[in-house]
Amino acid sequence: MDVVVQTVLVLVGLALTIGASDVAVGYTRAIAAKLDAPAFLVGVVLVSLGTDLPEIANSIAAHLEGEGDVNIGDTVGSTLTQYTFVLALFPAIVAVIAVSRRQVGIVTVLTAAGLGLTAIVTADGYLGRLDGLLLVGTWVVAIVVVARVVGGGTVDEPPQVRIKGIGYQIAVLFVALGVVGLGATLAVRSIVDLAETVGVPEFILAFFGASMGTSAPEIAVDLTALARGAPGIALGDALGSSLVDATLAPGIGPIVAPAPVTARLAVVASLYTLVAVALVGSLLYWRRRHDWWSAAVCLGAYVFSYVVVIGAD
């Protein structure tokens, strides 16, 4: 019975984070539209923050509970999920998507750098405040680099939102963020309890289970964007979310409250994800398009992660 209750609580928590994230993303895009920013940049810088709210909230909630494994498992697992599984779904909506070498190249390099740093700071089995500051600082630098290097492109057409005044929109955004935090806290506590009940390491459960749940906003937003003719938003969000999950999301938790991690699992998962990101990014860079062939490579990289990460346990 405990397993059933804990599973339901995980699903309820994730449902709250996903639903509130969807509201937050809509209003984030509405506010961003006033800046006339290119679609890819909106996806990388703004929409990715919105769709990554579950991971960010989970990071803080996990560290407040002293569960560093839940943070790193979820954030690194989400990076892998978005760069492989989520991208593998794109051709189901649009058979062939044109890819800009400059856009994909710079985000891939920066995401790989963030994963490398994550492997380094978790190697001692502890995530301290300095480690968190290094990761968050890397994200800030990365966003500045992306904004400077990646320019041009079509401007995003934001979804229609019910509240029009910018002040009210900001208020709605903050309320949505609060609900995200509540749902994430519930999900994290339930994941820890579930792992203890069934005897599965928290890192493994977070890496494969929670990461799929917290990546649901990316799946929903990106596939919707593709269906509505906004591939720039979709690709920008998928890649930008991975960048956030490799830097900002794992770093913000230890700034609030340092916590221990399982070094071997964290390092192996981070390095494997780095290799997968480099593989997918290089493939898209050289082919200049994303189609069923590259989608198959993405899916294969995701599936093989089960062998690597579970084998490291």
Protein backbone atom coordinates (compact mmCIF):
# COMPACT_ATOMS: atom_id res chain seq x y z
CA MET A 1 0.00 0.00 0.00
CA ASP A 2 2.89 2.35 0.81
CA VAL A 3 4.25 1.93 -2.72
CA VAL A 4 0.86 2.81 -4.24
CA VAL A 5 0.44 5.90 -2.05
CA GLN A 6 4.00 7.08 -2.68
CA THR A 7 3.64 6.55 -6.43
CA VAL A 8 0.38 8.51 -6.46
CA LEU A 9 2.03 11.35 -4.51
CA VAL A 10 4.93 11.44 -7.00
CA LEU A 11 2.46 11.66 -9.89
CA VAL A 12 0.41 14.35 -8.14
CA GLY A 13 3.53 16.38 -7.42
CA LEU A 14 4.76 16.08 -10.99
CA ALA A 15 1.28 16.93 -12.32
CA LEU A 16 1.28 20.13 -10.25
CA THR A 17 4.74 21.12 -11.50
CA ILE A 18 3.90 20.33 -15.12
CA GLY A 19 0.54 22.13 -15.07
CA ALA A 20 1.92 25.20 -13.35
CA SER A 21 4.97 25.19 -15.63
CA ASP A 22 2.71 25.27 -18.67
CA VAL A 23 1.02 28.41 -17.34
CA ALA A 24 4.39 29.96 -16.49
CA VAL A 25 5.76 29.21 -19.96
CA GLY A 26 2.77 30.83 -21.67
CA TYR A 27 3.15 34.04 -19.71
CA THR A 28 6.94 34.00 -20.06
CA ARG A 29 6.58 33.87 -23.84
CA ALA A 30 3.93 36.61 -23.77
CA ILE A 31 6.24 38.90 -21.80
CA ALA A 32 9.24 38.01 -23.98
CA ALA A 33 7.31 38.87 -27.15
CA LYS A 34 7.44 42.51 -26.12
CA LEU A 35 11.22 42.34 -26.58
CA ASP A 36 10.93 41.15 -30.20
CA ALA A 37 13.52 38.44 -29.53
CA PRO A 38 14.32 35.78 -32.19
CA ALA A 39 12.51 32.48 -31.71
CA PHE A 40 15.61 30.35 -31.07
CA LEU A 41 16.89 32.79 -28.43
CA VAL A 42 13.47 32.88 -26.77
CA GLY A 43 13.58 29.08 -26.66
CA VAL A 44 17.13 28.87 -25.27
CA VAL A 45 16.98 31.73 -22.79
CA LEU A 46 13.36 32.12 -21.68
CA VAL A 47 11.14 29.17 -22.61
CA SER A 48 13.82 26.75 -21.39
CA LEU A 49 13.73 28.39 -17.97
CA GLY A 50 9.98 27.98 -17.89
CA THR A 51 9.96 24.34 -18.93
CA ASP A 52 12.85 23.63 -16.55
CA LEU A 53 11.05 24.99 -13.51
CA PRO A 54 10.34 21.43 -12.26
CA GLU A 55 14.06 20.56 -12.31
CA ILE A 56 15.02 23.86 -10.68
CA ALA A 57 12.38 23.44 -7.99
CA ASN A 58 13.34 19.78 -7.51
CA SER A 59 16.97 20.80 -7.04
CA ILE A 60 16.11 23.20 -4.22
CA ALA A 61 13.60 20.84 -2.62
CA ALA A 62 16.02 17.90 -2.80
CA HIS A 63 18.82 19.82 -1.08
CA LEU A 64 16.51 21.11 1.62
CA GLU A 65 15.84 17.42 2.30
CA GLY A 66 19.59 16.64 2.18
CA GLU A 67 19.12 14.48 -0.96
CA GLY A 68 21.83 15.49 -3.43
CA ASP A 69 21.32 12.28 -5.42
CA VAL A 70 17.76 13.32 -6.28
CA ASN A 71 19.06 16.65 -7.61
CA ILE A 72 21.91 15.29 -9.75
CA GLY A 73 19.96 12.23 -10.86
CA ASP A 74 17.05 14.37 -12.04
CA THR A 75 19.03 17.22 -13.64
CA VAL A 76 21.63 15.10 -15.43
CA GLY A 77 18.94 12.61 -16.40
CA SER A 78 16.83 15.45 -17.78
CA THR A 79 19.79 16.73 -19.82
CA LEU A 80 20.13 13.29 -21.39
CA THR A 81 16.36 12.89 -21.86
CA GLN A 82 15.99 16.22 -23.64
CA TYR A 83 19.03 15.87 -25.90
CA THR A 84 18.07 12.34 -26.90
CA PHE A 85 14.52 11.12 -26.16
CA VAL A 86 12.76 14.48 -26.63
CA LEU A 87 14.64 15.27 -29.86
CA ALA A 88 13.84 11.76 -31.10
CA LEU A 89 10.14 12.69 -31.02
CA PHE A 90 10.50 15.74 -33.29
CA PRO A 91 10.30 13.93 -36.68
CA ALA A 92 6.93 12.51 -35.65
CA ILE A 93 5.57 16.07 -36.02
CA VAL A 94 7.91 17.55 -38.66
CA ALA A 95 9.75 15.00 -40.81
CA VAL A 96 12.80 17.20 -41.54
CA ILE A 97 13.91 20.20 -39.47
CA ALA A 98 16.63 22.55 -40.73
CA VAL A 99 19.43 23.04 -38.20
CA SER A 100 21.74 26.04 -37.87
CA ARG A 101 25.32 24.96 -37.26
CA ARG A 102 26.07 28.08 -35.22
CA GLN A 103 23.05 27.62 -32.96
CA VAL A 104 23.45 23.90 -32.30
CA GLY A 105 27.25 24.05 -32.12
CA ILE A 106 27.51 26.72 -29.44
CA VAL A 107 24.77 25.27 -27.20
CA THR A 108 26.23 21.76 -27.50
CA VAL A 109 29.71 22.91 -26.49
CA LEU A 110 28.38 24.88 -23.52
CA THR A 111 26.14 22.01 -22.35
CA ALA A 112 29.03 19.55 -22.57
CA ALA A 113 31.18 21.97 -20.55
CA GLY A 114 28.48 22.14 -17.87
CA LEU A 115 28.29 18.35 -17.67
CA GLY A 116 32.07 18.13 -17.39
CA LEU A 117 31.98 20.61 -14.51
CA THR A 118 29.17 18.62 -12.86
CA ALA A 119 31.33 15.47 -13.02
CA ILE A 120 34.23 17.35 -11.42
CA VAL A 121 32.30 18.93 -8.54
CA THR A 122 30.49 15.68 -7.67
CA ALA A 123 33.63 13.52 -7.72
CA ASP A 124 34.26 14.12 -4.00
CA GLY A 125 30.74 12.97 -3.06
CA TYR A 126 29.57 16.36 -1.86
CA LEU A 127 27.89 19.40 -3.42
CA GLY A 128 28.78 22.56 -1.53
CA ARG A 129 27.83 26.19 -2.01
CA LEU A 130 30.98 26.96 -4.00
CA ASP A 131 30.17 24.06 -6.35
CA GLY A 132 26.68 25.47 -6.81
CA LEU A 133 27.99 28.97 -7.49
CA LEU A 134 30.38 27.59 -10.13
CA LEU A 135 27.54 25.79 -11.91
CA VAL A 136 25.12 28.74 -11.78
CA GLY A 137 27.92 31.10 -12.88
CA THR A 138 28.61 28.81 -15.84
CA TRP A 139 24.97 29.13 -16.90
CA VAL A 140 25.12 32.94 -16.68
CA VAL A 141 28.26 33.03 -18.82
CA ALA A 142 26.72 30.53 -21.26
CA ILE A 143 23.59 32.64 -21.73
CA VAL A 144 25.70 35.75 -22.40
CA VAL A 145 27.72 33.81 -24.98
CA VAL A 146 24.60 32.41 -26.67
CA ALA A 147 22.97 35.84 -26.79
CA ARG A 148 26.08 37.35 -28.39
CA VAL A 149 26.93 34.54 -30.81
CA VAL A 150 23.46 33.40 -31.88
CA GLY A 151 21.44 36.14 -33.51
CA GLY A 152 18.77 36.63 -36.14
CA GLY A 153 15.93 34.27 -36.90
CA THR A 154 12.18 34.59 -36.77
CA VAL A 155 10.41 36.23 -33.85
CA ASP A 156 8.26 33.95 -31.68
CA GLU A 157 4.50 34.22 -31.91
CA PRO A 158 3.43 33.78 -28.27
CA PRO A 159 0.29 31.90 -27.25
CA GLN A 160 -2.80 33.88 -26.32
CA VAL A 161 -3.00 34.45 -22.57
CA ARG A 162 -6.05 35.54 -20.61
CA ILE A 163 -4.33 38.27 -18.59
CA LYS A 164 -3.07 41.15 -20.74
CA GLY A 165 -1.47 43.78 -18.49
CA ILE A 166 2.26 43.12 -18.00
CA GLY A 167 2.03 43.74 -14.26
CA TYR A 168 -0.72 41.17 -13.91
CA GLN A 169 1.19 38.78 -16.17
CA ILE A 170 4.21 38.98 -13.88
CA ALA A 171 1.94 38.32 -10.88
CA VAL A 172 0.46 35.24 -12.57
CA LEU A 173 3.98 34.06 -13.39
CA PHE A 174 5.04 34.27 -9.74
CA VAL A 175 1.94 32.41 -8.57
CA ALA A 176 2.66 29.67 -11.11
CA LEU A 177 6.25 29.46 -9.86
CA GLY A 178 4.95 28.99 -6.32
CA VAL A 179 2.76 26.07 -7.41
CA VAL A 180 5.72 24.55 -9.24
CA GLY A 181 7.74 24.68 -6.04
CA LEU A 182 4.93 23.06 -4.04
CA GLY A 183 4.52 20.23 -6.53
CA ALA A 184 8.27 19.67 -6.78
CA THR A 185 8.64 19.44 -3.01
CA LEU A 186 5.88 16.83 -2.84
CA ALA A 187 7.41 14.84 -5.71
CA VAL A 188 10.93 14.87 -4.25
CA ARG A 189 9.82 13.71 -0.80
CA SER A 190 7.72 10.95 -2.35
CA ILE A 191 10.58 9.81 -4.62
CA VAL A 192 12.86 9.45 -1.59
CA ASP A 193 10.22 7.49 0.33
CA LEU A 194 9.49 5.29 -2.69
CA ALA A 195 13.18 4.53 -3.21
CA GLU A 196 13.52 3.48 0.42
CA THR A 197 10.40 1.29 0.21
CA VAL A 198 11.31 -0.63 -2.97
CA GLY A 199 15.06 -0.68 -2.36
CA VAL A 200 16.02 1.24 -5.53
CA PRO A 201 18.84 3.79 -5.17
CA GLU A 202 17.49 7.33 -5.14
CA PHE A 203 19.90 8.36 -7.90
CA ILE A 204 18.68 5.65 -10.28
CA LEU A 205 15.02 6.43 -9.60
CA ALA A 206 15.62 10.14 -10.13
CA PHE A 207 17.78 9.64 -13.24
CA PHE A 208 15.31 7.47 -15.13
CA GLY A 209 11.98 8.15 -13.42
CA ALA A 210 11.83 11.71 -12.17
CA SER A 211 13.77 13.06 -15.17
CA MET A 212 11.15 11.71 -17.56
CA GLY A 213 8.41 13.31 -15.49
CA THR A 214 10.12 16.68 -15.16
CA SER A 215 10.90 16.61 -18.90
CA ALA A 216 7.19 16.39 -19.69
CA PRO A 217 6.89 20.20 -20.04
CA GLU A 218 9.57 20.14 -22.76
CA ILE A 219 7.76 17.35 -24.58
CA ALA A 220 4.43 19.19 -24.42
CA VAL A 221 5.79 22.62 -25.31
CA ASP A 222 8.18 21.47 -28.04
CA LEU A 223 5.76 19.19 -29.88
CA THR A 224 3.08 21.88 -29.68
CA ALA A 225 5.53 24.44 -31.06
CA LEU A 226 6.39 22.12 -33.96
CA ALA A 227 2.72 21.51 -34.71
CA ARG A 228 2.13 25.27 -34.78
CA GLY A 229 5.02 25.94 -37.14
CA ALA A 230 7.58 27.21 -34.61
CA PRO A 231 10.58 24.84 -34.94
CA GLY A 232 12.93 27.55 -33.64
CA ILE A 233 11.12 27.60 -30.31
CA ALA A 234 11.05 23.80 -30.15
CA LEU A 235 14.73 23.28 -30.92
CA GLY A 236 15.78 26.23 -28.78
CA ASP A 237 13.81 24.93 -25.81
CA ALA A 238 15.08 21.34 -26.10
CA LEU A 239 18.71 22.46 -26.31
CA GLY A 240 18.32 25.38 -23.89
CA SER A 241 16.64 23.15 -21.30
CA SER A 242 19.57 20.76 -21.51
CA LEU A 243 21.94 23.68 -20.92
CA VAL A 244 19.92 24.73 -17.86
CA ASP A 245 19.89 21.16 -16.54
CA ALA A 246 23.66 20.86 -16.94
CA THR A 247 24.42 24.10 -15.08
CA LEU A 248 21.76 26.22 -13.36
CA ALA A 249 19.43 23.47 -12.12
CA PRO A 250 22.03 21.25 -10.40
CA GLY A 251 23.81 24.32 -9.04
CA ILE A 252 20.95 26.19 -7.42
CA GLY A 253 20.14 23.47 -4.87
CA PRO A 254 23.55 23.31 -3.14
CA ILE A 255 23.64 27.12 -2.92
CA VAL A 256 20.54 26.87 -0.73
CA ALA A 257 21.68 23.80 1.23
CA PRO A 258 24.80 21.66 0.56
CA ALA A 259 24.24 17.89 0.46
CA PRO A 260 26.11 14.63 -0.22
CA VAL A 261 25.89 12.72 -3.52
CA THR A 262 26.87 9.23 -4.65
CA ALA A 263 30.09 10.15 -6.45
CA ARG A 264 30.42 7.10 -8.72
CA LEU A 265 26.89 7.31 -10.09
CA ALA A 266 27.02 11.09 -10.47
CA VAL A 267 30.33 11.03 -12.36
CA VAL A 268 29.42 8.09 -14.62
CA ALA A 269 26.00 9.57 -15.47
CA SER A 270 27.46 13.04 -16.13
CA LEU A 271 30.24 11.73 -18.37
CA TYR A 272 27.92 9.41 -20.31
CA THR A 273 25.48 12.26 -20.83
CA LEU A 274 28.38 14.46 -21.97
CA VAL A 275 29.29 11.86 -24.60
CA ALA A 276 25.65 11.52 -25.71
CA VAL A 277 25.25 15.31 -25.98
CA ALA A 278 28.47 15.59 -28.00
CA LEU A 279 27.36 12.74 -30.30
CA VAL A 280 23.90 14.17 -30.99
CA GLY A 281 25.16 17.74 -31.28
CA SER A 282 27.92 16.75 -33.71
CA LEU A 283 25.47 14.76 -35.82
CA LEU A 284 23.07 17.69 -36.10
CA TYR A 285 25.97 20.09 -36.73
CA TRP A 286 27.42 18.16 -39.67
CA ARG A 287 24.12 17.06 -41.24
CA ARG A 288 22.42 20.48 -40.78
CA ARG A 289 19.07 18.78 -40.34
CA HIS A 290 17.13 16.60 -37.94
CA ASP A 291 15.14 13.71 -39.36
CA TRP A 292 14.27 10.08 -38.69
CA TRP A 293 17.89 8.97 -39.08
CA SER A 294 19.25 11.32 -36.45
CA ALA A 295 16.18 10.59 -34.30
CA ALA A 296 17.17 6.90 -34.29
CA VAL A 297 20.66 7.82 -33.05
CA CYS A 298 19.11 9.98 -30.31
CA LEU A 299 16.86 7.15 -29.16
CA GLY A 300 19.73 4.66 -29.21
CA ALA A 301 21.86 6.94 -27.01
CA TYR A 302 18.99 7.22 -24.54
CA VAL A 303 18.32 3.47 -24.37
CA PHE A 304 22.01 2.62 -23.93
CA SER A 305 22.16 4.90 -20.88
CA TYR A 306 20.23 2.22 -18.95
CA VAL A 307 23.10 -0.21 -19.50
CA VAL A 308 25.77 2.32 -18.49
CA VAL A 309 24.16 3.98 -15.46
CA ILE A 310 22.53 0.88 -13.93
CA GLY A 311 25.78 -1.01 -14.54
CA ALA A 312 27.63 1.64 -12.50
CA ASP A 313 25.41 1.07 -9.47
